[in-house]
Amino acid sequence: MTDFVYQAELELIEQSSNRVELNLTIPENLYYFQGHFPEAPILPGVAQLDWVMNYLAQYFGLDITTLISVDALKFQHIVRPGYQVTLTLEQLKPKKYSFNYSSNHGQHASGKVVFA
């Protein structure tokens, strides 16, 4: 039986008061690849959004239970096992943040989250 992991390998690249840049290495044995899809695994968008929320809580101290909306959510290119992606989180306004997943494969996902 394979031991699954639930998070990407994380490296903090840059951090300021309103911006965080993280390098994520997507492991082959990531739990979220199970059944999504067996022949060609891809990282589900819901997992990407979950990571955004967790890293916003971790690096900006946000209470993510006060989420009001996810706006301009776009998934441009799939994320596969073994990819290295950069996740950039940026505070736009006191309760509004943007996120962007990108790699040498292009931009993978982006959007904005708004909190109460």
PDB file of N, CA and C in Angstrom:
ATOM      1  N   MET A   1       0.844  -1.181   0.000  1.00  0.00           N
ATOM      2  CA  MET A   1       0.000   0.000   0.000  1.00  0.00           C
ATOM      3  C   MET A   1       0.891   1.248   0.000  1.00  0.00           C
ATOM      4  N   THR A   2       0.517   2.215  -0.788  1.00  0.00           N
ATOM      5  CA  THR A   2       1.272   3.458  -0.892  1.00  0.00           C
ATOM      6  C   THR A   2       0.916   4.394   0.249  1.00  0.00           C
ATOM      7  N   ASP A   3       1.924   5.028   0.813  1.00  0.00           N
ATOM      8  CA  ASP A   3       1.677   6.065   1.812  1.00  0.00           C
ATOM      9  C   ASP A   3       1.432   7.374   1.080  1.00  0.00           C
ATOM     10  N   PHE A   4       0.266   7.948   1.310  1.00  0.00           N
ATOM     11  CA  PHE A   4      -0.094   9.194   0.638  1.00  0.00           C
ATOM     12  C   PHE A   4       0.260  10.396   1.502  1.00  0.00           C
ATOM     13  N   VAL A   5       0.543  11.501   0.856  1.00  0.00           N
ATOM     14  CA  VAL A   5       0.741  12.775   1.540  1.00  0.00           C
ATOM     15  C   VAL A   5      -0.367  13.718   1.085  1.00  0.00           C
ATOM     16  N   TYR A   6      -0.638  14.732   1.911  1.00  0.00           N
ATOM     17  CA  TYR A   6      -1.752  15.648   1.637  1.00  0.00           C
ATOM     18  C   TYR A   6      -1.301  17.044   1.249  1.00  0.00           C
ATOM     19  N   GLN A   7      -0.016  17.312   1.350  1.00  0.00           N
ATOM     20  CA  GLN A   7       0.500  18.635   1.027  1.00  0.00           C
ATOM     21  C   GLN A   7       1.672  18.515   0.064  1.00  0.00           C
ATOM     22  N   ALA A   8       1.908  19.586  -0.659  1.00  0.00           N
ATOM     23  CA  ALA A   8       3.085  19.683  -1.512  1.00  0.00           C
ATOM     24  C   ALA A   8       4.297  19.971  -0.627  1.00  0.00           C
ATOM     25  N   GLU A   9       5.470  19.680  -1.146  1.00  0.00           N
ATOM     26  CA  GLU A   9       6.694  20.091  -0.461  1.00  0.00           C
ATOM     27  C   GLU A   9       6.800  21.600  -0.619  1.00  0.00           C
ATOM     28  N   LEU A  10       7.000  22.299   0.486  1.00  0.00           N
ATOM     29  CA  LEU A  10       6.882  23.748   0.522  1.00  0.00           C
ATOM     30  C   LEU A  10       8.229  24.413   0.771  1.00  0.00           C
ATOM     31  N   GLU A  11       8.486  25.477   0.006  1.00  0.00           N
ATOM     32  CA  GLU A  11       9.658  26.319   0.224  1.00  0.00           C
ATOM     33  C   GLU A  11       9.215  27.773   0.115  1.00  0.00           C
ATOM     34  N   LEU A  12       9.496  28.532   1.160  1.00  0.00           N
ATOM     35  CA  LEU A  12       9.186  29.959   1.147  1.00  0.00           C
ATOM     36  C   LEU A  12      10.237  30.671   0.311  1.00  0.00           C
ATOM     37  N   ILE A  13       9.806  31.374  -0.726  1.00  0.00           N
ATOM     38  CA  ILE A  13      10.723  32.091  -1.603  1.00  0.00           C
ATOM     39  C   ILE A  13      10.871  33.534  -1.134  1.00  0.00           C
ATOM     40  N   GLU A  14       9.732  34.179  -0.868  1.00  0.00           N
ATOM     41  CA  GLU A  14       9.748  35.594  -0.507  1.00  0.00           C
ATOM     42  C   GLU A  14       8.528  35.905   0.348  1.00  0.00           C
ATOM     43  N   GLN A  15       8.705  36.783   1.330  1.00  0.00           N
ATOM     44  CA  GLN A  15       7.585  37.186   2.169  1.00  0.00           C
ATOM     45  C   GLN A  15       7.740  38.646   2.553  1.00  0.00           C
ATOM     46  N   SER A  16       6.647  39.397   2.408  1.00  0.00           N
ATOM     47  CA  SER A  16       6.587  40.779   2.882  1.00  0.00           C
ATOM     48  C   SER A  16       5.255  40.942   3.601  1.00  0.00           C
ATOM     49  N   SER A  17       4.928  42.142   4.003  1.00  0.00           N
ATOM     50  CA  SER A  17       3.685  42.355   4.753  1.00  0.00           C
ATOM     51  C   SER A  17       2.435  42.108   3.910  1.00  0.00           C
ATOM     52  N   ASN A  18       2.546  42.254   2.577  1.00  0.00           N
ATOM     53  CA  ASN A  18       1.353  42.082   1.735  1.00  0.00           C
ATOM     54  C   ASN A  18       1.524  41.056   0.613  1.00  0.00           C
ATOM     55  N   ARG A  19       2.637  40.299   0.637  1.00  0.00           N
ATOM     56  CA  ARG A  19       2.877  39.347  -0.456  1.00  0.00           C
ATOM     57  C   ARG A  19       3.696  38.173   0.043  1.00  0.00           C
ATOM     58  N   VAL A  20       3.321  36.974  -0.419  1.00  0.00           N
ATOM     59  CA  VAL A  20       4.056  35.750  -0.110  1.00  0.00           C
ATOM     60  C   VAL A  20       4.214  34.970  -1.405  1.00  0.00           C
ATOM     61  N   GLU A  21       5.425  34.484  -1.633  1.00  0.00           N
ATOM     62  CA  GLU A  21       5.695  33.645  -2.795  1.00  0.00           C
ATOM     63  C   GLU A  21       6.243  32.316  -2.293  1.00  0.00           C
ATOM     64  N   LEU A  22       5.583  31.229  -2.702  1.00  0.00           N
ATOM     65  CA  LEU A  22       5.936  29.887  -2.247  1.00  0.00           C
ATOM     66  C   LEU A  22       6.268  29.004  -3.435  1.00  0.00           C
ATOM     67  N   ASN A  23       7.249  28.133  -3.265  1.00  0.00           N
ATOM     68  CA  ASN A  23       7.548  27.114  -4.267  1.00  0.00           C
ATOM     69  C   ASN A  23       6.949  25.808  -3.755  1.00  0.00           C
ATOM     70  N   LEU A  24       6.104  25.189  -4.564  1.00  0.00           N
ATOM     71  CA  LEU A  24       5.464  23.926  -4.200  1.00  0.00           C
ATOM     72  C   LEU A  24       5.922  22.838  -5.155  1.00  0.00           C
ATOM     73  N   THR A  25       6.476  21.767  -4.607  1.00  0.00           N
ATOM     74  CA  THR A  25       6.804  20.596  -5.416  1.00  0.00           C
ATOM     75  C   THR A  25       5.687  19.594  -5.193  1.00  0.00           C
ATOM     76  N   ILE A  26       5.034  19.216  -6.270  1.00  0.00           N
ATOM     77  CA  ILE A  26       3.849  18.358  -6.186  1.00  0.00           C
ATOM     78  C   ILE A  26       4.299  16.889  -6.187  1.00  0.00           C
ATOM     79  N   PRO A  27       4.148  16.185  -5.051  1.00  0.00           N
ATOM     80  CA  PRO A  27       4.649  14.817  -4.965  1.00  0.00           C
ATOM     81  C   PRO A  27       3.822  13.826  -5.788  1.00  0.00           C
ATOM     82  N   GLU A  28       4.499  12.794  -6.238  1.00  0.00           N
ATOM     83  CA  GLU A  28       3.838  11.740  -7.022  1.00  0.00           C
ATOM     84  C   GLU A  28       2.764  11.021  -6.196  1.00  0.00           C
ATOM     85  N   ASN A  29       2.988  10.898  -4.889  1.00  0.00           N
ATOM     86  CA  ASN A  29       2.075  10.138  -4.026  1.00  0.00           C
ATOM     87  C   ASN A  29       1.074  11.032  -3.295  1.00  0.00           C
ATOM     88  N   LEU A  30       0.749  12.178  -3.902  1.00  0.00           N
ATOM     89  CA  LEU A  30      -0.222  13.092  -3.319  1.00  0.00           C
ATOM     90  C   LEU A  30      -1.603  12.428  -3.286  1.00  0.00           C
ATOM     91  N   TYR A  31      -2.240  12.465  -2.142  1.00  0.00           N
ATOM     92  CA  TYR A  31      -3.541  11.824  -1.963  1.00  0.00           C
ATOM     93  C   TYR A  31      -4.561  12.254  -3.012  1.00  0.00           C
ATOM     94  N   TYR A  32      -4.545  13.534  -3.384  1.00  0.00           N
ATOM     95  CA  TYR A  32      -5.563  14.082  -4.283  1.00  0.00           C
ATOM     96  C   TYR A  32      -5.481  13.539  -5.713  1.00  0.00           C
ATOM     97  N   PHE A  33      -4.403  12.837  -6.053  1.00  0.00           N
ATOM     98  CA  PHE A  33      -4.313  12.228  -7.377  1.00  0.00           C
ATOM     99  C   PHE A  33      -5.093  10.915  -7.450  1.00  0.00           C
ATOM    100  N   GLN A  34      -5.452  10.357  -6.299  1.00  0.00           N
ATOM    101  CA  GLN A  34      -6.207   9.110  -6.258  1.00  0.00           C
ATOM    102  C   GLN A  34      -7.530   9.280  -6.989  1.00  0.00           C
ATOM    103  N   GLY A  35      -7.738   8.539  -8.056  1.00  0.00           N
ATOM    104  CA  GLY A  35      -9.004   8.585  -8.776  1.00  0.00           C
ATOM    105  C   GLY A  35      -9.238   9.856  -9.569  1.00  0.00           C
ATOM    106  N   HIS A  36      -8.226  10.691  -9.706  1.00  0.00           N
ATOM    107  CA  HIS A  36      -8.409  11.983 -10.423  1.00  0.00           C
ATOM    108  C   HIS A  36      -7.275  12.216 -11.400  1.00  0.00           C
ATOM    109  N   PHE A  37      -7.019  11.562 -12.311  1.00  0.00           N
ATOM    110  CA  PHE A  37      -7.623  10.396 -12.934  1.00  0.00           C
ATOM    111  C   PHE A  37      -6.544   9.310 -13.034  1.00  0.00           C
ATOM    112  N   PRO A  38      -6.875   8.048 -12.878  1.00  0.00           N
ATOM    113  CA  PRO A  38      -5.855   6.995 -12.799  1.00  0.00           C
ATOM    114  C   PRO A  38      -4.876   6.970 -13.982  1.00  0.00           C
ATOM    115  N   GLU A  39      -5.345   7.185 -15.190  1.00  0.00           N
ATOM    116  CA  GLU A  39      -4.484   7.115 -16.376  1.00  0.00           C
ATOM    117  C   GLU A  39      -3.658   8.383 -16.565  1.00  0.00           C
ATOM    118  N   ALA A  40      -4.148   9.503 -16.100  1.00  0.00           N
ATOM    119  CA  ALA A  40      -3.470  10.791 -16.271  1.00  0.00           C
ATOM    120  C   ALA A  40      -3.809  11.676 -15.081  1.00  0.00           C
ATOM    121  N   PRO A  41      -3.137  11.490 -13.929  1.00  0.00           N
ATOM    122  CA  PRO A  41      -3.499  12.230 -12.722  1.00  0.00           C
ATOM    123  C   PRO A  41      -3.290  13.741 -12.853  1.00  0.00           C
ATOM    124  N   ILE A  42      -4.258  14.484 -12.322  1.00  0.00           N
ATOM    125  CA  ILE A  42      -4.160  15.949 -12.281  1.00  0.00           C
ATOM    126  C   ILE A  42      -4.585  16.416 -10.889  1.00  0.00           C
ATOM    127  N   LEU A  43      -4.043  17.554 -10.479  1.00  0.00           N
ATOM    128  CA  LEU A  43      -4.376  18.114  -9.168  1.00  0.00           C
ATOM    129  C   LEU A  43      -5.734  18.809  -9.252  1.00  0.00           C
ATOM    130  N   PRO A  44      -6.710  18.353  -8.471  1.00  0.00           N
ATOM    131  CA  PRO A  44      -8.037  18.964  -8.524  1.00  0.00           C
ATOM    132  C   PRO A  44      -8.007  20.434  -8.099  1.00  0.00           C
ATOM    133  N   GLY A  45      -8.848  21.235  -8.723  1.00  0.00           N
ATOM    134  CA  GLY A  45      -8.947  22.646  -8.395  1.00  0.00           C
ATOM    135  C   GLY A  45      -9.332  22.875  -6.944  1.00  0.00           C
ATOM    136  N   VAL A  46     -10.157  22.009  -6.380  1.00  0.00           N
ATOM    137  CA  VAL A  46     -10.576  22.174  -4.988  1.00  0.00           C
ATOM    138  C   VAL A  46      -9.374  22.025  -4.052  1.00  0.00           C
ATOM    139  N   ALA A  47      -8.424  21.172  -4.387  1.00  0.00           N
ATOM    140  CA  ALA A  47      -7.207  21.028  -3.570  1.00  0.00           C
ATOM    141  C   ALA A  47      -6.360  22.297  -3.676  1.00  0.00           C
ATOM    142  N   GLN A  48      -6.266  22.857  -4.884  1.00  0.00           N
ATOM    143  CA  GLN A  48      -5.508  24.093  -5.065  1.00  0.00           C
ATOM    144  C   GLN A  48      -6.113  25.232  -4.244  1.00  0.00           C
ATOM    145  N   LEU A  49      -7.430  25.329  -4.247  1.00  0.00           N
ATOM    146  CA  LEU A  49      -8.104  26.378  -3.476  1.00  0.00           C
ATOM    147  C   LEU A  49      -7.941  26.135  -1.975  1.00  0.00           C
ATOM    148  N   ASP A  50      -7.983  24.883  -1.543  1.00  0.00           N
ATOM    149  CA  ASP A  50      -7.767  24.546  -0.142  1.00  0.00           C
ATOM    150  C   ASP A  50      -6.378  24.987   0.309  1.00  0.00           C
ATOM    151  N   TRP A  51      -5.372  24.747  -0.520  1.00  0.00           N
ATOM    152  CA  TRP A  51      -4.013  25.180  -0.179  1.00  0.00           C
ATOM    153  C   TRP A  51      -3.941  26.700  -0.077  1.00  0.00           C
ATOM    154  N   VAL A  52      -4.591  27.406  -0.997  1.00  0.00           N
ATOM    155  CA  VAL A  52      -4.618  28.872  -0.938  1.00  0.00           C
ATOM    156  C   VAL A  52      -5.154  29.317   0.419  1.00  0.00           C
ATOM    157  N   MET A  53      -6.271  28.757   0.826  1.00  0.00           N
ATOM    158  CA  MET A  53      -6.891  29.153   2.081  1.00  0.00           C
ATOM    159  C   MET A  53      -5.971  28.847   3.265  1.00  0.00           C
ATOM    160  N   ASN A  54      -5.378  27.675   3.279  1.00  0.00           N
ATOM    161  CA  ASN A  54      -4.492  27.303   4.385  1.00  0.00           C
ATOM    162  C   ASN A  54      -3.264  28.201   4.450  1.00  0.00           C
ATOM    163  N   TYR A  55      -2.680  28.535   3.308  1.00  0.00           N
ATOM    164  CA  TYR A  55      -1.492  29.392   3.310  1.00  0.00           C
ATOM    165  C   TYR A  55      -1.847  30.846   3.630  1.00  0.00           C
ATOM    166  N   LEU A  56      -3.042  31.287   3.266  1.00  0.00           N
ATOM    167  CA  LEU A  56      -3.481  32.625   3.693  1.00  0.00           C
ATOM    168  C   LEU A  56      -3.603  32.677   5.212  1.00  0.00           C
ATOM    169  N   ALA A  57      -4.147  31.631   5.809  1.00  0.00           N
ATOM    170  CA  ALA A  57      -4.250  31.574   7.272  1.00  0.00           C
ATOM    171  C   ALA A  57      -2.862  31.544   7.904  1.00  0.00           C
ATOM    172  N   GLN A  58      -1.976  30.746   7.332  1.00  0.00           N
ATOM    173  CA  GLN A  58      -0.639  30.582   7.894  1.00  0.00           C
ATOM    174  C   GLN A  58       0.207  31.852   7.781  1.00  0.00           C
ATOM    175  N   TYR A  59       0.229  32.473   6.628  1.00  0.00           N
ATOM    176  CA  TYR A  59       1.146  33.587   6.381  1.00  0.00           C
ATOM    177  C   TYR A  59       0.555  34.971   6.641  1.00  0.00           C
ATOM    178  N   PHE A  60      -0.792  35.073   6.590  1.00  0.00           N
ATOM    179  CA  PHE A  60      -1.422  36.371   6.826  1.00  0.00           C
ATOM    180  C   PHE A  60      -2.273  36.390   8.094  1.00  0.00           C
ATOM    181  N   GLY A  61      -2.372  35.254   8.760  1.00  0.00           N
ATOM    182  CA  GLY A  61      -3.146  35.185   9.991  1.00  0.00           C
ATOM    183  C   GLY A  61      -4.633  35.373   9.806  1.00  0.00           C
ATOM    184  N   LEU A  62      -5.146  35.030   8.626  1.00  0.00           N
ATOM    185  CA  LEU A  62      -6.572  35.222   8.337  1.00  0.00           C
ATOM    186  C   LEU A  62      -7.436  34.154   8.999  1.00  0.00           C
ATOM    187  N   ASP A  63      -8.624  34.561   9.405  1.00  0.00           N
ATOM    188  CA  ASP A  63      -9.645  33.613   9.840  1.00  0.00           C
ATOM    189  C   ASP A  63     -10.405  33.210   8.574  1.00  0.00           C
ATOM    190  N   ILE A  64     -10.034  32.082   8.006  1.00  0.00           N
ATOM    191  CA  ILE A  64     -10.596  31.681   6.706  1.00  0.00           C
ATOM    192  C   ILE A  64     -12.061  31.265   6.796  1.00  0.00           C
ATOM    193  N   THR A  65     -12.587  31.133   8.027  1.00  0.00           N
ATOM    194  CA  THR A  65     -14.012  30.807   8.164  1.00  0.00           C
ATOM    195  C   THR A  65     -14.890  32.005   7.832  1.00  0.00           C
ATOM    196  N   THR A  66     -14.273  33.191   7.644  1.00  0.00           N
ATOM    197  CA  THR A  66     -15.047  34.390   7.309  1.00  0.00           C
ATOM    198  C   THR A  66     -15.078  34.639   5.796  1.00  0.00           C
ATOM    199  N   LEU A  67     -14.726  33.633   5.013  1.00  0.00           N
ATOM    200  CA  LEU A  67     -14.738  33.763   3.551  1.00  0.00           C
ATOM    201  C   LEU A  67     -16.119  34.186   3.060  1.00  0.00           C
ATOM    202  N   ILE A  68     -16.149  35.227   2.231  1.00  0.00           N
ATOM    203  CA  ILE A  68     -17.401  35.698   1.631  1.00  0.00           C
ATOM    204  C   ILE A  68     -17.532  35.194   0.199  1.00  0.00           C
ATOM    205  N   SER A  69     -16.431  35.314  -0.571  1.00  0.00           N
ATOM    206  CA  SER A  69     -16.527  34.914  -1.974  1.00  0.00           C
ATOM    207  C   SER A  69     -15.166  34.563  -2.551  1.00  0.00           C
ATOM    208  N   VAL A  70     -15.234  33.774  -3.619  1.00  0.00           N
ATOM    209  CA  VAL A  70     -14.077  33.487  -4.465  1.00  0.00           C
ATOM    210  C   VAL A  70     -14.437  34.070  -5.822  1.00  0.00           C
ATOM    211  N   ASP A  71     -13.651  35.043  -6.277  1.00  0.00           N
ATOM    212  CA  ASP A  71     -13.971  35.771  -7.501  1.00  0.00           C
ATOM    213  C   ASP A  71     -12.922  35.516  -8.580  1.00  0.00           C
ATOM    214  N   ALA A  72     -13.339  35.643  -9.821  1.00  0.00           N
ATOM    215  CA  ALA A  72     -12.452  35.545 -10.987  1.00  0.00           C
ATOM    216  C   ALA A  72     -11.615  34.274 -10.960  1.00  0.00           C
ATOM    217  N   LEU A  73     -12.203  33.180 -10.488  1.00  0.00           N
ATOM    218  CA  LEU A  73     -11.493  31.903 -10.391  1.00  0.00           C
ATOM    219  C   LEU A  73     -11.304  31.304 -11.783  1.00  0.00           C
ATOM    220  N   LYS A  74     -10.054  31.042 -12.135  1.00  0.00           N
ATOM    221  CA  LYS A  74      -9.742  30.465 -13.449  1.00  0.00           C
ATOM    222  C   LYS A  74      -8.720  29.359 -13.289  1.00  0.00           C
ATOM    223  N   PHE A  75      -8.953  28.266 -13.995  1.00  0.00           N
ATOM    224  CA  PHE A  75      -7.995  27.164 -14.065  1.00  0.00           C
ATOM    225  C   PHE A  75      -7.545  27.077 -15.515  1.00  0.00           C
ATOM    226  N   GLN A  76      -6.304  27.476 -15.775  1.00  0.00           N
ATOM    227  CA  GLN A  76      -5.824  27.578 -17.149  1.00  0.00           C
ATOM    228  C   GLN A  76      -5.106  26.313 -17.632  1.00  0.00           C
ATOM    229  N   HIS A  77      -4.201  25.776 -16.814  1.00  0.00           N
ATOM    230  CA  HIS A  77      -3.446  24.573 -17.195  1.00  0.00           C
ATOM    231  C   HIS A  77      -3.429  23.597 -16.021  1.00  0.00           C
ATOM    232  N   ILE A  78      -3.531  22.321 -16.328  1.00  0.00           N
ATOM    233  CA  ILE A  78      -3.554  21.310 -15.282  1.00  0.00           C
ATOM    234  C   ILE A  78      -2.194  21.207 -14.587  1.00  0.00           C
ATOM    235  N   VAL A  79      -2.236  20.722 -13.345  1.00  0.00           N
ATOM    236  CA  VAL A  79      -1.027  20.469 -12.559  1.00  0.00           C
ATOM    237  C   VAL A  79      -0.892  18.964 -12.419  1.00  0.00           C
ATOM    238  N   ARG A  80       0.259  18.447 -12.811  1.00  0.00           N
ATOM    239  CA  ARG A  80       0.522  17.010 -12.779  1.00  0.00           C
ATOM    240  C   ARG A  80       1.528  16.656 -11.681  1.00  0.00           C
ATOM    241  N   PRO A  81       1.593  15.373 -11.327  1.00  0.00           N
ATOM    242  CA  PRO A  81       2.594  14.928 -10.349  1.00  0.00           C
ATOM    243  C   PRO A  81       4.001  15.310 -10.798  1.00  0.00           C
ATOM    244  N   GLY A  82       4.804  15.749  -9.829  1.00  0.00           N
ATOM    245  CA  GLY A  82       6.180  16.106 -10.111  1.00  0.00           C
ATOM    246  C   GLY A  82       6.397  17.543 -10.529  1.00  0.00           C
ATOM    247  N   TYR A  83       5.335  18.272 -10.813  1.00  0.00           N
ATOM    248  CA  TYR A  83       5.486  19.683 -11.204  1.00  0.00           C
ATOM    249  C   TYR A  83       6.016  20.495 -10.024  1.00  0.00           C
ATOM    250  N   GLN A  84       6.781  21.522 -10.350  1.00  0.00           N
ATOM    251  CA  GLN A  84       7.146  22.543  -9.380  1.00  0.00           C
ATOM    252  C   GLN A  84       6.381  23.800  -9.767  1.00  0.00           C
ATOM    253  N   VAL A  85       5.557  24.288  -8.846  1.00  0.00           N
ATOM    254  CA  VAL A  85       4.748  25.467  -9.128  1.00  0.00           C
ATOM    255  C   VAL A  85       5.032  26.552  -8.096  1.00  0.00           C
ATOM    256  N   THR A  86       4.862  27.777  -8.527  1.00  0.00           N
ATOM    257  CA  THR A  86       4.992  28.921  -7.637  1.00  0.00           C
ATOM    258  C   THR A  86       3.589  29.412  -7.317  1.00  0.00           C
ATOM    259  N   LEU A  87       3.312  29.538  -6.032  1.00  0.00           N
ATOM    260  CA  LEU A  87       2.045  30.104  -5.580  1.00  0.00           C
ATOM    261  C   LEU A  87       2.342  31.486  -5.017  1.00  0.00           C
ATOM    262  N   THR A  88       1.720  32.495  -5.615  1.00  0.00           N
ATOM    263  CA  THR A  88       1.875  33.865  -5.141  1.00  0.00           C
ATOM    264  C   THR A  88       0.557  34.307  -4.518  1.00  0.00           C
ATOM    265  N   LEU A  89       0.633  34.769  -3.277  1.00  0.00           N
ATOM    266  CA  LEU A  89      -0.514  35.299  -2.545  1.00  0.00           C
ATOM    267  C   LEU A  89      -0.245  36.768  -2.293  1.00  0.00           C
ATOM    268  N   GLU A  90      -1.235  37.620  -2.594  1.00  0.00           N
ATOM    269  CA  GLU A  90      -1.018  39.047  -2.433  1.00  0.00           C
ATOM    270  C   GLU A  90      -2.256  39.724  -1.863  1.00  0.00           C
ATOM    271  N   GLN A  91      -2.047  40.585  -0.872  1.00  0.00           N
ATOM    272  CA  GLN A  91      -3.142  41.355  -0.308  1.00  0.00           C
ATOM    273  C   GLN A  91      -3.414  42.547  -1.212  1.00  0.00           C
ATOM    274  N   LEU A  92      -4.654  42.643  -1.706  1.00  0.00           N
ATOM    275  CA  LEU A  92      -5.051  43.741  -2.586  1.00  0.00           C
ATOM    276  C   LEU A  92      -5.693  44.877  -1.800  1.00  0.00           C
ATOM    277  N   LYS A  93      -6.496  44.496  -0.818  1.00  0.00           N
ATOM    278  CA  LYS A  93      -7.198  45.415   0.091  1.00  0.00           C
ATOM    279  C   LYS A  93      -7.197  44.738   1.459  1.00  0.00           C
ATOM    280  N   PRO A  94      -7.651  45.422   2.515  1.00  0.00           N
ATOM    281  CA  PRO A  94      -7.605  44.801   3.841  1.00  0.00           C
ATOM    282  C   PRO A  94      -8.241  43.404   3.922  1.00  0.00           C
ATOM    283  N   LYS A  95      -9.286  43.132   3.180  1.00  0.00           N
ATOM    284  CA  LYS A  95      -9.963  41.825   3.261  1.00  0.00           C
ATOM    285  C   LYS A  95     -10.010  41.101   1.909  1.00  0.00           C
ATOM    286  N   LYS A  96      -9.183  41.511   0.967  1.00  0.00           N
ATOM    287  CA  LYS A  96      -9.202  40.927  -0.378  1.00  0.00           C
ATOM    288  C   LYS A  96      -7.781  40.515  -0.788  1.00  0.00           C
ATOM    289  N   TYR A  97      -7.662  39.273  -1.256  1.00  0.00           N
ATOM    290  CA  TYR A  97      -6.364  38.702  -1.621  1.00  0.00           C
ATOM    291  C   TYR A  97      -6.452  38.049  -2.997  1.00  0.00           C
ATOM    292  N   SER A  98      -5.347  38.094  -3.718  1.00  0.00           N
ATOM    293  CA  SER A  98      -5.273  37.390  -4.994  1.00  0.00           C
ATOM    294  C   SER A  98      -4.330  36.209  -4.842  1.00  0.00           C
ATOM    295  N   PHE A  99      -4.514  35.212  -5.716  1.00  0.00           N
ATOM    296  CA  PHE A  99      -3.596  34.084  -5.756  1.00  0.00           C
ATOM    297  C   PHE A  99      -3.326  33.709  -7.204  1.00  0.00           C
ATOM    298  N   ASN A 100      -2.158  33.117  -7.408  1.00  0.00           N
ATOM    299  CA  ASN A 100      -1.740  32.736  -8.755  1.00  0.00           C
ATOM    300  C   ASN A 100      -0.794  31.550  -8.647  1.00  0.00           C
ATOM    301  N   TYR A 101      -1.134  30.465  -9.316  1.00  0.00           N
ATOM    302  CA  TYR A 101      -0.257  29.301  -9.444  1.00  0.00           C
ATOM    303  C   TYR A 101       0.373  29.358 -10.834  1.00  0.00           C
ATOM    304  N   SER A 102       1.701  29.287 -10.910  1.00  0.00           N
ATOM    305  CA  SER A 102       2.375  29.289 -12.207  1.00  0.00           C
ATOM    306  C   SER A 102       3.609  28.389 -12.149  1.00  0.00           C
ATOM    307  N   SER A 103       4.101  28.026 -13.321  1.00  0.00           N
ATOM    308  CA  SER A 103       5.315  27.213 -13.429  1.00  0.00           C
ATOM    309  C   SER A 103       5.889  27.408 -14.825  1.00  0.00           C
ATOM    310  N   ASN A 104       6.916  26.649 -15.140  1.00  0.00           N
ATOM    311  CA  ASN A 104       7.461  26.731 -16.498  1.00  0.00           C
ATOM    312  C   ASN A 104       6.499  26.133 -17.528  1.00  0.00           C
ATOM    313  N   HIS A 105       5.397  25.550 -17.068  1.00  0.00           N
ATOM    314  CA  HIS A 105       4.345  25.040 -17.962  1.00  0.00           C
ATOM    315  C   HIS A 105       3.305  26.120 -18.269  1.00  0.00           C
ATOM    316  N   GLY A 106       3.388  27.273 -17.591  1.00  0.00           N
ATOM    317  CA  GLY A 106       2.446  28.364 -17.795  1.00  0.00           C
ATOM    318  C   GLY A 106       1.704  28.702 -16.514  1.00  0.00           C
ATOM    319  N   GLN A 107       0.643  29.479 -16.640  1.00  0.00           N
ATOM    320  CA  GLN A 107      -0.191  29.818 -15.500  1.00  0.00           C
ATOM    321  C   GLN A 107      -1.217  28.703 -15.318  1.00  0.00           C
ATOM    322  N   HIS A 108      -1.318  28.211 -14.095  1.00  0.00           N
ATOM    323  CA  HIS A 108      -2.211  27.087 -13.816  1.00  0.00           C
ATOM    324  C   HIS A 108      -3.559  27.527 -13.279  1.00  0.00           C
ATOM    325  N   ALA A 109      -3.556  28.466 -12.345  1.00  0.00           N
ATOM    326  CA  ALA A 109      -4.815  28.895 -11.730  1.00  0.00           C
ATOM    327  C   ALA A 109      -4.625  30.277 -11.120  1.00  0.00           C
ATOM    328  N   SER A 110      -5.745  31.001 -11.025  1.00  0.00           N
ATOM    329  CA  SER A 110      -5.696  32.329 -10.407  1.00  0.00           C
ATOM    330  C   SER A 110      -7.084  32.693  -9.926  1.00  0.00           C
ATOM    331  N   GLY A 111      -7.121  33.690  -9.050  1.00  0.00           N
ATOM    332  CA  GLY A 111      -8.404  34.161  -8.548  1.00  0.00           C
ATOM    333  C   GLY A 111      -8.205  35.129  -7.413  1.00  0.00           C
ATOM    334  N   LYS A 112      -9.332  35.521  -6.820  1.00  0.00           N
ATOM    335  CA  LYS A 112      -9.330  36.435  -5.687  1.00  0.00           C
ATOM    336  C   LYS A 112     -10.265  35.871  -4.626  1.00  0.00           C
ATOM    337  N   VAL A 113      -9.906  36.089  -3.367  1.00  0.00           N
ATOM    338  CA  VAL A 113     -10.767  35.680  -2.263  1.00  0.00           C
ATOM    339  C   VAL A 113     -11.054  36.884  -1.386  1.00  0.00           C
ATOM    340  N   VAL A 114     -12.302  36.961  -0.912  1.00  0.00           N
ATOM    341  CA  VAL A 114     -12.752  38.099  -0.128  1.00  0.00           C
ATOM    342  C   VAL A 114     -13.275  37.570   1.214  1.00  0.00           C
ATOM    343  N   PHE A 115     -12.884  38.256   2.289  1.00  0.00           N
ATOM    344  CA  PHE A 115     -13.267  37.860   3.646  1.00  0.00           C
ATOM    345  C   PHE A 115     -14.086  38.954   4.301  1.00  0.00           C
ATOM    346  N   ALA A 116     -14.906  38.556   5.293  1.00  0.00           N
ATOM    347  CA  ALA A 116     -15.746  39.508   6.038  1.00  0.00           C
ATOM    348  C   ALA A 116     -14.876  40.338   6.962  1.00  0.00           C
TER     349      ALA A 116
END
